[in-house]
Amino acid sequence: MPYALDHVFLCCSVGAAAEADALQRAGLTEGSPNVHPGQGTTCRRFFFRNAYLELLWISDVLDASSAATEPTRLLERWRGRAAHASPFGVALRPASDPATPPPFESWAYRPQYLPPGLSIDMASAAPLEEPEMFYARWGRSPETRDGPAREPMAHVLGVSVLSGVKISIERQGLSPAARALAKLGLVDFASGPPLLELELDRGARGAELDFRPILPMILRA
């Protein structure tokens, strides 16, 4: 498999206070937050050995609606998260070789916060009813990071690996990008109201945590 899941994001309320608290009470350890200068977004993050979960919100409308960022439709997705838009996003990275091309047709997004020469490959022609899909050639797993970049990955819940992702969408048929993710076995898609279902450690403990209505998300550990 030339590709790996890098992270999954979920659009949430500003500050994500209730959302992050619900995850912490469920036994997940929060890592460091992150701000995306020039993009207008801020996030709180929960890390596993192979990937992480990101609670994302718009913190600067002007930056989010700038000429550079507007084509990502992050502002439109965030504003429409409870109505017409899928509130989710899925990021992939190369499993080993950074030269591996993205698995879908894409366009290059060069946000201000990335060093010169780096870009994010955004899936082309993905409808808002589907999650945001993108590819970071420079991505790496949390467990390989050292020093200040090392994040907490020990959880009271006793989980360590994000082993499965299923996303429900209110749309008939899938875009070519979504079909590519499904064919690779990285994301399963279902029809229905927006719902993110994450499997941790292949559901070895037989636990199911439903965070609705705070978050449209179910964890199976």
N, C-alpha and C. Protein backbone atom coordinates (compact mmCIF):
# COMPACT_ATOMS: atom_id res chain seq x y z
N MET A 1 0.85 -1.20 0.00
CA MET A 1 0.00 0.00 0.00
C MET A 1 0.88 1.25 0.00
N PRO A 2 0.84 2.04 -1.07
CA PRO A 2 1.70 3.23 -1.15
C PRO A 2 1.20 4.42 -0.34
N TYR A 3 -0.03 4.33 0.20
CA TYR A 3 -0.62 5.46 0.91
C TYR A 3 -0.99 5.09 2.34
N ALA A 4 -1.02 6.12 3.20
CA ALA A 4 -1.42 5.93 4.59
C ALA A 4 -2.34 7.08 5.00
N LEU A 5 -3.20 6.81 5.96
CA LEU A 5 -4.04 7.85 6.52
C LEU A 5 -3.17 8.76 7.39
N ASP A 6 -3.26 10.07 7.17
CA ASP A 6 -2.47 11.01 7.97
C ASP A 6 -3.30 11.57 9.12
N HIS A 7 -4.46 12.13 8.79
CA HIS A 7 -5.36 12.60 9.85
C HIS A 7 -6.77 12.80 9.30
N VAL A 8 -7.68 12.92 10.22
CA VAL A 8 -9.08 13.18 9.91
C VAL A 8 -9.49 14.44 10.66
N PHE A 9 -10.17 15.36 9.98
CA PHE A 9 -10.64 16.53 10.72
C PHE A 9 -12.16 16.57 10.76
N LEU A 10 -12.64 17.31 11.74
CA LEU A 10 -14.07 17.46 11.96
C LEU A 10 -14.32 18.93 12.29
N CYS A 11 -15.12 19.60 11.48
CA CYS A 11 -15.44 21.00 11.74
C CYS A 11 -16.29 21.11 13.00
N CYS A 12 -15.94 22.04 13.87
CA CYS A 12 -16.65 22.15 15.15
C CYS A 12 -16.82 23.61 15.53
N SER A 13 -17.39 23.84 16.69
CA SER A 13 -17.62 25.20 17.17
C SER A 13 -16.30 25.89 17.50
N VAL A 14 -16.32 27.21 17.53
CA VAL A 14 -15.12 27.98 17.84
C VAL A 14 -14.59 27.59 19.22
N GLY A 15 -13.33 27.22 19.28
CA GLY A 15 -12.70 26.82 20.53
C GLY A 15 -12.85 25.34 20.86
N ALA A 16 -13.85 24.69 20.27
CA ALA A 16 -14.09 23.25 20.46
C ALA A 16 -14.13 22.84 21.93
N ALA A 17 -14.64 23.70 22.79
CA ALA A 17 -14.63 23.41 24.23
C ALA A 17 -15.44 22.15 24.56
N ALA A 18 -16.70 22.12 24.14
CA ALA A 18 -17.55 20.97 24.47
C ALA A 18 -17.07 19.71 23.76
N GLU A 19 -16.62 19.87 22.52
CA GLU A 19 -16.19 18.72 21.74
C GLU A 19 -14.94 18.06 22.32
N ALA A 20 -13.94 18.89 22.64
CA ALA A 20 -12.71 18.35 23.21
C ALA A 20 -12.95 17.76 24.59
N ASP A 21 -13.82 18.41 25.37
CA ASP A 21 -14.13 17.89 26.70
C ASP A 21 -14.78 16.51 26.61
N ALA A 22 -15.66 16.32 25.63
CA ALA A 22 -16.32 15.02 25.47
C ALA A 22 -15.30 13.94 25.15
N LEU A 23 -14.31 14.25 24.31
CA LEU A 23 -13.28 13.27 23.97
C LEU A 23 -12.38 12.97 25.17
N GLN A 24 -12.06 13.99 25.93
CA GLN A 24 -11.23 13.79 27.13
C GLN A 24 -11.96 12.93 28.15
N ARG A 25 -13.24 13.19 28.36
CA ARG A 25 -14.02 12.39 29.31
C ARG A 25 -14.14 10.94 28.87
N ALA A 26 -14.05 10.72 27.56
CA ALA A 26 -14.11 9.35 27.03
C ALA A 26 -12.78 8.60 27.19
N GLY A 27 -11.74 9.32 27.62
CA GLY A 27 -10.46 8.65 27.85
C GLY A 27 -9.39 8.91 26.82
N LEU A 28 -9.57 9.96 25.99
CA LEU A 28 -8.54 10.32 25.02
C LEU A 28 -7.69 11.47 25.55
N THR A 29 -6.41 11.41 25.30
CA THR A 29 -5.47 12.43 25.75
C THR A 29 -5.28 13.46 24.64
N GLU A 30 -5.46 14.71 24.98
CA GLU A 30 -5.31 15.78 23.99
C GLU A 30 -3.84 16.14 23.79
N GLY A 31 -3.47 16.35 22.53
CA GLY A 31 -2.12 16.82 22.20
C GLY A 31 -2.10 18.33 22.09
N SER A 32 -1.13 18.84 21.37
CA SER A 32 -0.99 20.28 21.22
C SER A 32 -2.00 20.83 20.21
N PRO A 33 -2.48 22.06 20.42
CA PRO A 33 -3.34 22.70 19.41
C PRO A 33 -2.46 23.22 18.28
N ASN A 34 -3.11 23.72 17.24
CA ASN A 34 -2.35 24.26 16.11
C ASN A 34 -3.12 25.38 15.46
N VAL A 35 -2.38 26.38 15.01
CA VAL A 35 -2.95 27.51 14.28
C VAL A 35 -2.35 27.48 12.88
N HIS A 36 -3.19 27.76 11.86
CA HIS A 36 -2.73 27.75 10.48
C HIS A 36 -2.69 29.20 9.96
N PRO A 37 -1.55 29.90 10.13
CA PRO A 37 -1.46 31.30 9.71
C PRO A 37 -1.78 31.47 8.22
N GLY A 38 -2.59 32.48 7.94
CA GLY A 38 -2.96 32.77 6.56
C GLY A 38 -4.13 31.95 6.06
N GLN A 39 -4.42 30.84 6.70
CA GLN A 39 -5.54 29.99 6.29
C GLN A 39 -6.81 30.32 7.06
N GLY A 40 -6.62 30.88 8.25
CA GLY A 40 -7.78 31.28 9.04
C GLY A 40 -8.38 30.19 9.87
N THR A 41 -7.66 29.08 10.10
CA THR A 41 -8.19 27.98 10.89
C THR A 41 -7.31 27.69 12.10
N THR A 42 -7.94 27.14 13.12
CA THR A 42 -7.26 26.70 14.34
C THR A 42 -7.82 25.33 14.69
N CYS A 43 -7.04 24.53 15.39
CA CYS A 43 -7.52 23.18 15.70
C CYS A 43 -6.99 22.69 17.04
N ARG A 44 -7.69 21.69 17.56
CA ARG A 44 -7.24 20.91 18.71
C ARG A 44 -7.09 19.48 18.21
N ARG A 45 -6.07 18.76 18.77
CA ARG A 45 -5.71 17.48 18.16
C ARG A 45 -5.55 16.36 19.18
N PHE A 46 -5.89 15.15 18.71
CA PHE A 46 -5.76 13.93 19.51
C PHE A 46 -4.98 12.92 18.68
N PHE A 47 -3.84 12.49 19.19
CA PHE A 47 -2.90 11.71 18.40
C PHE A 47 -2.91 10.22 18.73
N PHE A 48 -2.76 9.43 17.68
CA PHE A 48 -2.55 7.99 17.80
C PHE A 48 -1.22 7.69 17.14
N ARG A 49 -0.76 6.47 17.21
CA ARG A 49 0.56 6.15 16.69
C ARG A 49 0.68 6.43 15.20
N ASN A 50 -0.37 6.18 14.45
CA ASN A 50 -0.28 6.27 12.99
C ASN A 50 -0.96 7.49 12.38
N ALA A 51 -1.82 8.16 13.13
CA ALA A 51 -2.60 9.26 12.58
C ALA A 51 -3.18 10.08 13.73
N TYR A 52 -3.94 11.12 13.39
CA TYR A 52 -4.55 11.91 14.46
C TYR A 52 -5.91 12.44 14.05
N LEU A 53 -6.67 12.84 15.05
CA LEU A 53 -7.99 13.44 14.89
C LEU A 53 -7.89 14.92 15.20
N GLU A 54 -8.46 15.74 14.32
CA GLU A 54 -8.35 17.19 14.43
C GLU A 54 -9.74 17.80 14.55
N LEU A 55 -9.94 18.61 15.59
CA LEU A 55 -11.16 19.41 15.73
C LEU A 55 -10.85 20.79 15.18
N LEU A 56 -11.50 21.17 14.11
CA LEU A 56 -11.12 22.35 13.32
C LEU A 56 -12.22 23.40 13.30
N TRP A 57 -11.82 24.67 13.39
CA TRP A 57 -12.79 25.76 13.26
C TRP A 57 -12.14 26.96 12.58
N ILE A 58 -12.99 27.85 12.08
CA ILE A 58 -12.53 29.09 11.47
C ILE A 58 -12.28 30.11 12.56
N SER A 59 -11.06 30.60 12.61
CA SER A 59 -10.69 31.59 13.63
C SER A 59 -10.44 32.97 13.03
N ASP A 60 -10.32 33.05 11.72
CA ASP A 60 -10.11 34.34 11.04
C ASP A 60 -10.84 34.28 9.70
N VAL A 61 -12.00 34.90 9.63
CA VAL A 61 -12.82 34.84 8.43
C VAL A 61 -12.13 35.50 7.25
N LEU A 62 -11.40 36.59 7.49
CA LEU A 62 -10.72 37.28 6.39
C LEU A 62 -9.68 36.38 5.74
N ASP A 63 -8.87 35.70 6.55
CA ASP A 63 -7.88 34.79 6.00
C ASP A 63 -8.54 33.61 5.30
N ALA A 64 -9.61 33.09 5.89
CA ALA A 64 -10.29 31.94 5.32
C ALA A 64 -10.98 32.26 3.99
N SER A 65 -11.30 33.54 3.78
CA SER A 65 -11.95 33.95 2.55
C SER A 65 -11.00 34.64 1.58
N SER A 66 -9.70 34.57 1.85
CA SER A 66 -8.70 35.20 0.99
C SER A 66 -8.61 34.47 -0.35
N ALA A 67 -7.98 35.11 -1.32
CA ALA A 67 -7.84 34.51 -2.64
C ALA A 67 -7.09 33.19 -2.59
N ALA A 68 -6.13 33.07 -1.67
CA ALA A 68 -5.34 31.85 -1.57
C ALA A 68 -6.13 30.70 -0.95
N THR A 69 -6.95 31.01 0.06
CA THR A 69 -7.63 29.97 0.83
C THR A 69 -9.03 29.65 0.34
N GLU A 70 -9.69 30.62 -0.25
CA GLU A 70 -11.10 30.43 -0.65
C GLU A 70 -11.34 29.18 -1.50
N PRO A 71 -10.43 28.83 -2.44
CA PRO A 71 -10.68 27.64 -3.25
C PRO A 71 -10.76 26.33 -2.45
N THR A 72 -10.23 26.31 -1.23
CA THR A 72 -10.34 25.10 -0.41
C THR A 72 -11.76 24.90 0.11
N ARG A 73 -12.54 25.97 0.12
CA ARG A 73 -13.94 25.97 0.60
C ARG A 73 -14.03 25.59 2.08
N LEU A 74 -12.96 25.80 2.81
CA LEU A 74 -12.99 25.50 4.25
C LEU A 74 -14.00 26.37 4.97
N LEU A 75 -14.07 27.65 4.60
CA LEU A 75 -15.04 28.54 5.24
C LEU A 75 -16.46 28.10 4.91
N GLU A 76 -16.71 27.78 3.65
CA GLU A 76 -18.04 27.32 3.25
C GLU A 76 -18.39 26.00 3.93
N ARG A 77 -17.42 25.12 4.05
CA ARG A 77 -17.66 23.84 4.70
C ARG A 77 -17.96 24.03 6.18
N TRP A 78 -17.20 24.90 6.83
CA TRP A 78 -17.39 25.13 8.26
C TRP A 78 -18.75 25.78 8.53
N ARG A 79 -19.09 26.78 7.73
CA ARG A 79 -20.37 27.47 7.91
C ARG A 79 -21.56 26.55 7.61
N GLY A 80 -21.37 25.61 6.69
CA GLY A 80 -22.48 24.74 6.31
C GLY A 80 -22.45 23.38 6.97
N ARG A 81 -21.66 23.26 8.04
CA ARG A 81 -21.44 21.94 8.65
C ARG A 81 -22.71 21.33 9.24
N ALA A 82 -23.67 22.15 9.59
CA ALA A 82 -24.92 21.61 10.16
C ALA A 82 -26.04 21.60 9.13
N ALA A 83 -25.69 21.89 7.86
CA ALA A 83 -26.73 21.97 6.84
C ALA A 83 -26.33 21.19 5.59
N HIS A 84 -25.74 21.89 4.62
CA HIS A 84 -25.52 21.29 3.30
C HIS A 84 -24.14 20.69 3.10
N ALA A 85 -23.20 20.93 4.01
CA ALA A 85 -21.81 20.50 3.79
C ALA A 85 -21.38 19.39 4.74
N SER A 86 -20.57 18.49 4.24
CA SER A 86 -19.96 17.49 5.12
C SER A 86 -18.97 18.20 6.03
N PRO A 87 -19.02 17.95 7.33
CA PRO A 87 -18.11 18.65 8.26
C PRO A 87 -16.76 17.96 8.40
N PHE A 88 -16.47 16.98 7.54
CA PHE A 88 -15.28 16.16 7.73
C PHE A 88 -14.21 16.42 6.68
N GLY A 89 -13.00 15.98 6.99
CA GLY A 89 -11.90 16.04 6.04
C GLY A 89 -10.99 14.85 6.27
N VAL A 90 -10.38 14.36 5.19
CA VAL A 90 -9.48 13.21 5.26
C VAL A 90 -8.18 13.56 4.56
N ALA A 91 -7.07 13.42 5.29
CA ALA A 91 -5.75 13.68 4.73
C ALA A 91 -4.96 12.39 4.62
N LEU A 92 -4.34 12.21 3.46
CA LEU A 92 -3.46 11.07 3.24
C LEU A 92 -2.02 11.54 3.17
N ARG A 93 -1.10 10.60 3.30
CA ARG A 93 0.33 10.86 3.11
C ARG A 93 0.93 9.63 2.43
N PRO A 94 2.16 9.75 1.89
CA PRO A 94 2.81 8.56 1.34
C PRO A 94 3.13 7.58 2.47
N ALA A 95 3.01 6.30 2.18
CA ALA A 95 3.36 5.30 3.19
C ALA A 95 4.87 5.25 3.38
N SER A 96 5.64 5.56 2.32
CA SER A 96 7.10 5.52 2.44
C SER A 96 7.79 6.50 1.51
N ASP A 97 7.43 6.49 0.24
CA ASP A 97 8.13 7.28 -0.77
C ASP A 97 7.45 8.63 -0.99
N PRO A 98 8.13 9.74 -0.62
CA PRO A 98 7.52 11.07 -0.79
C PRO A 98 7.24 11.43 -2.25
N ALA A 99 7.86 10.69 -3.17
CA ALA A 99 7.64 10.97 -4.59
C ALA A 99 6.35 10.35 -5.11
N THR A 100 5.66 9.57 -4.28
CA THR A 100 4.41 8.95 -4.70
C THR A 100 3.37 10.02 -5.03
N PRO A 101 2.80 10.00 -6.22
CA PRO A 101 1.80 11.03 -6.59
C PRO A 101 0.49 10.82 -5.83
N PRO A 102 -0.35 11.83 -5.75
CA PRO A 102 -1.64 11.67 -5.07
C PRO A 102 -2.50 10.63 -5.79
N PRO A 103 -3.40 9.96 -5.07
CA PRO A 103 -4.22 8.91 -5.67
C PRO A 103 -5.45 9.43 -6.39
N PHE A 104 -5.56 10.76 -6.51
CA PHE A 104 -6.71 11.35 -7.18
C PHE A 104 -6.26 12.61 -7.93
N GLU A 105 -7.09 13.05 -8.86
CA GLU A 105 -6.80 14.30 -9.56
C GLU A 105 -6.83 15.44 -8.55
N SER A 106 -5.85 16.35 -8.65
CA SER A 106 -5.71 17.35 -7.58
C SER A 106 -5.19 18.68 -8.11
N TRP A 107 -5.26 19.67 -7.23
CA TRP A 107 -4.64 20.95 -7.51
C TRP A 107 -3.77 21.34 -6.31
N ALA A 108 -2.74 22.12 -6.56
CA ALA A 108 -1.75 22.44 -5.53
C ALA A 108 -2.17 23.65 -4.71
N TYR A 109 -2.31 23.45 -3.43
CA TYR A 109 -2.63 24.52 -2.48
C TYR A 109 -1.36 24.85 -1.71
N ARG A 110 -0.96 26.10 -1.73
CA ARG A 110 0.28 26.53 -1.07
C ARG A 110 -0.04 27.53 0.04
N PRO A 111 -0.42 27.03 1.20
CA PRO A 111 -0.76 27.94 2.30
C PRO A 111 0.47 28.63 2.86
N GLN A 112 0.22 29.74 3.49
CA GLN A 112 1.30 30.57 4.05
C GLN A 112 2.13 29.83 5.09
N TYR A 113 1.51 28.90 5.82
CA TYR A 113 2.22 28.26 6.93
C TYR A 113 3.19 27.17 6.50
N LEU A 114 3.16 26.78 5.22
CA LEU A 114 4.11 25.77 4.76
C LEU A 114 5.40 26.43 4.28
N PRO A 115 6.54 25.76 4.46
CA PRO A 115 7.81 26.29 3.94
C PRO A 115 7.76 26.40 2.42
N PRO A 116 8.56 27.29 1.84
CA PRO A 116 8.59 27.42 0.38
C PRO A 116 8.89 26.07 -0.28
N GLY A 117 8.20 25.81 -1.36
CA GLY A 117 8.43 24.57 -2.09
C GLY A 117 7.49 23.44 -1.72
N LEU A 118 6.77 23.59 -0.60
CA LEU A 118 5.83 22.55 -0.19
C LEU A 118 4.41 22.98 -0.52
N SER A 119 3.58 22.00 -0.81
CA SER A 119 2.18 22.28 -1.11
C SER A 119 1.32 21.10 -0.65
N ILE A 120 0.02 21.31 -0.65
CA ILE A 120 -0.95 20.27 -0.32
C ILE A 120 -1.73 19.96 -1.59
N ASP A 121 -1.85 18.69 -1.93
CA ASP A 121 -2.61 18.28 -3.11
C ASP A 121 -4.07 18.11 -2.71
N MET A 122 -4.91 19.05 -3.14
CA MET A 122 -6.32 19.03 -2.82
C MET A 122 -7.10 18.29 -3.91
N ALA A 123 -7.99 17.39 -3.52
CA ALA A 123 -8.78 16.66 -4.49
C ALA A 123 -9.63 17.61 -5.33
N SER A 124 -9.61 17.40 -6.62
CA SER A 124 -10.38 18.24 -7.53
C SER A 124 -11.83 17.76 -7.62
N ALA A 125 -12.72 18.71 -7.84
CA ALA A 125 -14.13 18.41 -8.12
C ALA A 125 -14.80 17.55 -7.05
N ALA A 126 -14.40 17.73 -5.80
CA ALA A 126 -15.06 17.01 -4.71
C ALA A 126 -16.22 17.86 -4.20
N PRO A 127 -17.44 17.35 -4.21
CA PRO A 127 -18.59 18.15 -3.77
C PRO A 127 -18.58 18.38 -2.26
N LEU A 128 -19.24 19.42 -1.83
CA LEU A 128 -19.28 19.73 -0.41
C LEU A 128 -19.98 18.66 0.42
N GLU A 129 -20.83 17.87 -0.22
CA GLU A 129 -21.51 16.80 0.51
C GLU A 129 -20.53 15.69 0.91
N GLU A 130 -19.37 15.65 0.26
CA GLU A 130 -18.31 14.71 0.62
C GLU A 130 -17.29 15.39 1.50
N PRO A 131 -16.49 14.62 2.23
CA PRO A 131 -15.45 15.25 3.05
C PRO A 131 -14.38 15.93 2.19
N GLU A 132 -13.70 16.89 2.76
CA GLU A 132 -12.51 17.45 2.12
C GLU A 132 -11.49 16.32 2.01
N MET A 133 -10.85 16.18 0.86
CA MET A 133 -9.85 15.12 0.68
C MET A 133 -8.57 15.73 0.14
N PHE A 134 -7.46 15.44 0.78
CA PHE A 134 -6.20 16.02 0.36
C PHE A 134 -5.03 15.12 0.71
N TYR A 135 -3.86 15.47 0.16
CA TYR A 135 -2.68 14.61 0.21
C TYR A 135 -1.46 15.46 0.57
N ALA A 136 -0.77 15.06 1.64
CA ALA A 136 0.42 15.78 2.09
C ALA A 136 1.65 14.89 1.85
N ARG A 137 2.41 15.18 0.81
CA ARG A 137 3.57 14.36 0.46
C ARG A 137 4.61 14.36 1.57
N TRP A 138 4.62 15.39 2.38
CA TRP A 138 5.63 15.55 3.43
C TRP A 138 5.14 15.03 4.79
N GLY A 139 3.96 14.46 4.83
CA GLY A 139 3.41 13.98 6.10
C GLY A 139 4.18 12.80 6.67
N ARG A 140 4.10 12.63 7.98
CA ARG A 140 4.72 11.47 8.63
C ARG A 140 3.89 11.09 9.86
N SER A 141 4.02 9.87 10.29
CA SER A 141 3.19 9.37 11.39
C SER A 141 3.61 9.98 12.71
N PRO A 142 2.68 10.19 13.63
CA PRO A 142 3.01 10.75 14.94
C PRO A 142 4.09 9.96 15.69
N GLU A 143 4.10 8.64 15.54
CA GLU A 143 5.06 7.85 16.30
C GLU A 143 6.50 8.03 15.83
N THR A 144 6.70 8.62 14.64
CA THR A 144 8.05 8.84 14.14
C THR A 144 8.61 10.21 14.51
N ARG A 145 7.81 11.03 15.15
CA ARG A 145 8.25 12.39 15.48
C ARG A 145 9.02 12.39 16.80
N ASP A 146 10.07 13.19 16.83
CA ASP A 146 10.92 13.28 18.03
C ASP A 146 11.02 14.71 18.52
N GLY A 147 11.55 14.88 19.71
CA GLY A 147 11.78 16.20 20.26
C GLY A 147 10.50 16.96 20.48
N PRO A 148 10.49 18.29 20.20
CA PRO A 148 9.31 19.12 20.44
C PRO A 148 8.09 18.69 19.61
N ALA A 149 8.34 17.98 18.49
CA ALA A 149 7.24 17.55 17.63
C ALA A 149 6.54 16.30 18.17
N ARG A 150 7.12 15.68 19.20
CA ARG A 150 6.53 14.46 19.76
C ARG A 150 5.26 14.81 20.53
N GLU A 151 4.17 14.09 20.26
CA GLU A 151 2.89 14.35 20.89
C GLU A 151 2.51 13.20 21.82
N PRO A 152 1.67 13.46 22.84
CA PRO A 152 1.22 12.37 23.72
C PRO A 152 0.32 11.40 22.96
N MET A 153 0.60 10.12 23.11
CA MET A 153 -0.19 9.10 22.42
C MET A 153 -0.69 8.01 23.37
N ALA A 154 -0.50 8.22 24.67
CA ALA A 154 -1.00 7.27 25.67
C ALA A 154 -2.38 7.74 26.12
N HIS A 155 -3.38 6.89 25.98
CA HIS A 155 -4.75 7.26 26.29
C HIS A 155 -5.32 6.38 27.40
N VAL A 156 -6.07 6.99 28.30
CA VAL A 156 -6.73 6.25 29.37
C VAL A 156 -7.63 5.16 28.78
N LEU A 157 -8.19 5.44 27.62
CA LEU A 157 -9.04 4.47 26.94
C LEU A 157 -8.27 3.22 26.52
N GLY A 158 -6.94 3.34 26.49
CA GLY A 158 -6.11 2.19 26.17
C GLY A 158 -5.96 1.89 24.69
N VAL A 159 -6.16 2.89 23.84
CA VAL A 159 -6.06 2.69 22.40
C VAL A 159 -4.78 3.32 21.86
N SER A 160 -4.34 2.84 20.69
CA SER A 160 -3.09 3.37 20.15
C SER A 160 -3.09 3.59 18.64
N VAL A 161 -3.96 2.92 17.90
CA VAL A 161 -3.92 3.00 16.44
C VAL A 161 -5.31 3.33 15.89
N LEU A 162 -5.35 4.26 14.95
CA LEU A 162 -6.58 4.55 14.21
C LEU A 162 -6.63 3.56 13.05
N SER A 163 -7.49 2.56 13.16
CA SER A 163 -7.46 1.44 12.23
C SER A 163 -8.55 1.45 11.16
N GLY A 164 -9.52 2.34 11.27
CA GLY A 164 -10.58 2.38 10.27
C GLY A 164 -11.37 3.67 10.28
N VAL A 165 -11.82 4.09 9.11
CA VAL A 165 -12.61 5.31 8.97
C VAL A 165 -13.81 5.03 8.07
N LYS A 166 -14.99 5.39 8.55
CA LYS A 166 -16.21 5.28 7.75
C LYS A 166 -16.94 6.61 7.83
N ILE A 167 -17.37 7.11 6.69
CA ILE A 167 -18.02 8.42 6.63
C ILE A 167 -19.35 8.29 5.89
N SER A 168 -20.40 8.76 6.52
CA SER A 168 -21.72 8.78 5.88
C SER A 168 -21.93 10.13 5.23
N ILE A 169 -22.47 10.11 4.01
CA ILE A 169 -22.70 11.35 3.27
C ILE A 169 -24.12 11.35 2.71
N GLU A 170 -24.66 12.55 2.55
CA GLU A 170 -26.01 12.70 2.01
C GLU A 170 -25.91 13.00 0.52
N ARG A 171 -25.49 11.99 -0.23
CA ARG A 171 -25.32 12.15 -1.67
C ARG A 171 -25.33 10.79 -2.33
N GLN A 172 -25.97 10.71 -3.48
CA GLN A 172 -25.97 9.46 -4.23
C GLN A 172 -24.74 9.42 -5.13
N GLY A 173 -23.97 8.35 -5.05
CA GLY A 173 -22.78 8.23 -5.86
C GLY A 173 -21.60 8.95 -5.23
N LEU A 174 -20.39 8.58 -5.67
CA LEU A 174 -19.17 9.15 -5.13
C LEU A 174 -18.36 9.82 -6.23
N SER A 175 -17.63 10.85 -5.85
CA SER A 175 -16.72 11.50 -6.79
C SER A 175 -15.55 10.57 -7.08
N PRO A 176 -14.79 10.82 -8.14
CA PRO A 176 -13.61 10.00 -8.42
C PRO A 176 -12.63 9.95 -7.25
N ALA A 177 -12.46 11.05 -6.55
CA ALA A 177 -11.53 11.08 -5.41
C ALA A 177 -12.02 10.17 -4.29
N ALA A 178 -13.32 10.24 -3.98
CA ALA A 178 -13.87 9.39 -2.94
C ALA A 178 -13.80 7.92 -3.34
N ARG A 179 -14.05 7.64 -4.61
CA ARG A 179 -13.94 6.26 -5.07
C ARG A 179 -12.50 5.75 -4.93
N ALA A 180 -11.54 6.63 -5.16
CA ALA A 180 -10.13 6.23 -5.03
C ALA A 180 -9.81 5.87 -3.58
N LEU A 181 -10.30 6.67 -2.63
CA LEU A 181 -10.06 6.37 -1.21
C LEU A 181 -10.71 5.05 -0.81
N ALA A 182 -11.93 4.83 -1.32
CA ALA A 182 -12.64 3.60 -1.00
C ALA A 182 -11.92 2.39 -1.60
N LYS A 183 -11.44 2.51 -2.83
CA LYS A 183 -10.75 1.41 -3.49
C LYS A 183 -9.46 1.05 -2.76
N LEU A 184 -8.80 2.06 -2.21
CA LEU A 184 -7.57 1.82 -1.45
C LEU A 184 -7.84 1.19 -0.08
N GLY A 185 -9.09 1.21 0.34
CA GLY A 185 -9.43 0.66 1.65
C GLY A 185 -9.12 1.59 2.80
N LEU A 186 -8.92 2.88 2.50
CA LEU A 186 -8.57 3.84 3.55
C LEU A 186 -9.80 4.48 4.18
N VAL A 187 -10.89 4.58 3.42
CA VAL A 187 -12.14 5.16 3.92
C VAL A 187 -13.31 4.36 3.34
N ASP A 188 -14.25 4.00 4.20
CA ASP A 188 -15.51 3.42 3.75
C ASP A 188 -16.55 4.53 3.71
N PHE A 189 -17.41 4.50 2.70
CA PHE A 189 -18.46 5.50 2.59
C PHE A 189 -19.83 4.83 2.69
N ALA A 190 -20.76 5.52 3.34
CA ALA A 190 -22.13 5.04 3.46
C ALA A 190 -23.06 6.20 3.17
N SER A 191 -24.32 5.88 2.90
CA SER A 191 -25.32 6.90 2.63
C SER A 191 -26.09 7.20 3.91
N GLY A 192 -26.25 8.49 4.21
CA GLY A 192 -26.98 8.88 5.40
C GLY A 192 -26.55 10.23 5.90
N PRO A 193 -27.16 10.73 6.98
CA PRO A 193 -26.75 12.01 7.57
C PRO A 193 -25.27 11.97 7.92
N PRO A 194 -24.58 13.11 7.84
CA PRO A 194 -23.14 13.14 8.11
C PRO A 194 -22.77 12.47 9.43
N LEU A 195 -21.91 11.48 9.35
CA LEU A 195 -21.47 10.76 10.53
C LEU A 195 -20.06 10.24 10.28
N LEU A 196 -19.19 10.45 11.26
CA LEU A 196 -17.83 9.95 11.21
C LEU A 196 -17.70 8.79 12.19
N GLU A 197 -17.32 7.63 11.69
CA GLU A 197 -17.14 6.45 12.53
C GLU A 197 -15.66 6.05 12.48
N LEU A 198 -15.01 6.11 13.62
CA LEU A 198 -13.60 5.78 13.70
C LEU A 198 -13.41 4.48 14.47
N GLU A 199 -12.61 3.61 13.90
CA GLU A 199 -12.27 2.35 14.56
C GLU A 199 -10.87 2.47 15.13
N LEU A 200 -10.71 2.14 16.42
CA LEU A 200 -9.42 2.19 17.10
C LEU A 200 -9.01 0.78 17.48
N ASP A 201 -7.77 0.45 17.15
CA ASP A 201 -7.23 -0.89 17.48
C ASP A 201 -8.15 -2.00 16.99
N ARG A 202 -8.77 -1.78 15.84
CA ARG A 202 -9.67 -2.76 15.21
C ARG A 202 -10.83 -3.17 16.12
N GLY A 203 -11.19 -2.26 17.01
CA GLY A 203 -12.34 -2.51 17.89
C GLY A 203 -12.15 -3.67 18.84
N ALA A 204 -10.89 -3.91 19.24
CA ALA A 204 -10.56 -5.11 20.03
C ALA A 204 -11.28 -5.17 21.37
N ARG A 205 -11.64 -4.01 21.95
CA ARG A 205 -12.27 -4.00 23.28
C ARG A 205 -13.79 -4.13 23.22
N GLY A 206 -14.34 -4.03 22.04
CA GLY A 206 -15.79 -4.14 21.91
C GLY A 206 -16.55 -2.96 22.46
N ALA A 207 -15.89 -1.81 22.58
CA ALA A 207 -16.54 -0.61 23.13
C ALA A 207 -17.03 0.29 22.01
N GLU A 208 -18.18 0.91 22.21
CA GLU A 208 -18.71 1.88 21.26
C GLU A 208 -19.06 3.16 22.01
N LEU A 209 -18.50 4.27 21.55
CA LEU A 209 -18.72 5.57 22.18
C LEU A 209 -19.40 6.49 21.16
N ASP A 210 -20.61 6.88 21.45
CA ASP A 210 -21.40 7.73 20.55
C ASP A 210 -21.39 9.15 21.11
N PHE A 211 -20.82 10.09 20.35
CA PHE A 211 -20.67 11.46 20.84
C PHE A 211 -21.78 12.40 20.37
N ARG A 212 -22.76 11.87 19.69
CA ARG A 212 -23.88 12.71 19.29
C ARG A 212 -24.72 13.10 20.51
N PRO A 213 -25.25 14.32 20.58
CA PRO A 213 -25.27 15.35 19.54
C PRO A 213 -24.09 16.33 19.60
N ILE A 214 -23.15 16.15 20.53
CA ILE A 214 -22.03 17.09 20.62
C ILE A 214 -21.16 17.04 19.37
N LEU A 215 -20.91 15.83 18.91
CA LEU A 215 -20.14 15.61 17.69
C LEU A 215 -20.83 14.55 16.85
N PRO A 216 -20.86 14.68 15.55
CA PRO A 216 -21.44 13.63 14.70
C PRO A 216 -20.41 12.50 14.50
N MET A 217 -20.11 11.82 15.59
CA MET A 217 -19.01 10.87 15.55
C MET A 217 -19.25 9.70 16.51
N ILE A 218 -18.84 8.51 16.07
CA ILE A 218 -18.85 7.30 16.90
C ILE A 218 -17.45 6.73 16.88
N LEU A 219 -16.95 6.37 18.07
CA LEU A 219 -15.67 5.67 18.18
C LEU A 219 -15.94 4.23 18.55
N ARG A 220 -15.27 3.32 17.89
CA ARG A 220 -15.34 1.91 18.24
C ARG A 220 -13.94 1.44 18.61
N ALA A 221 -13.80 1.02 19.86
CA ALA A 221 -12.46 0.67 20.38
C ALA A 221 -12.42 -0.76 20.89
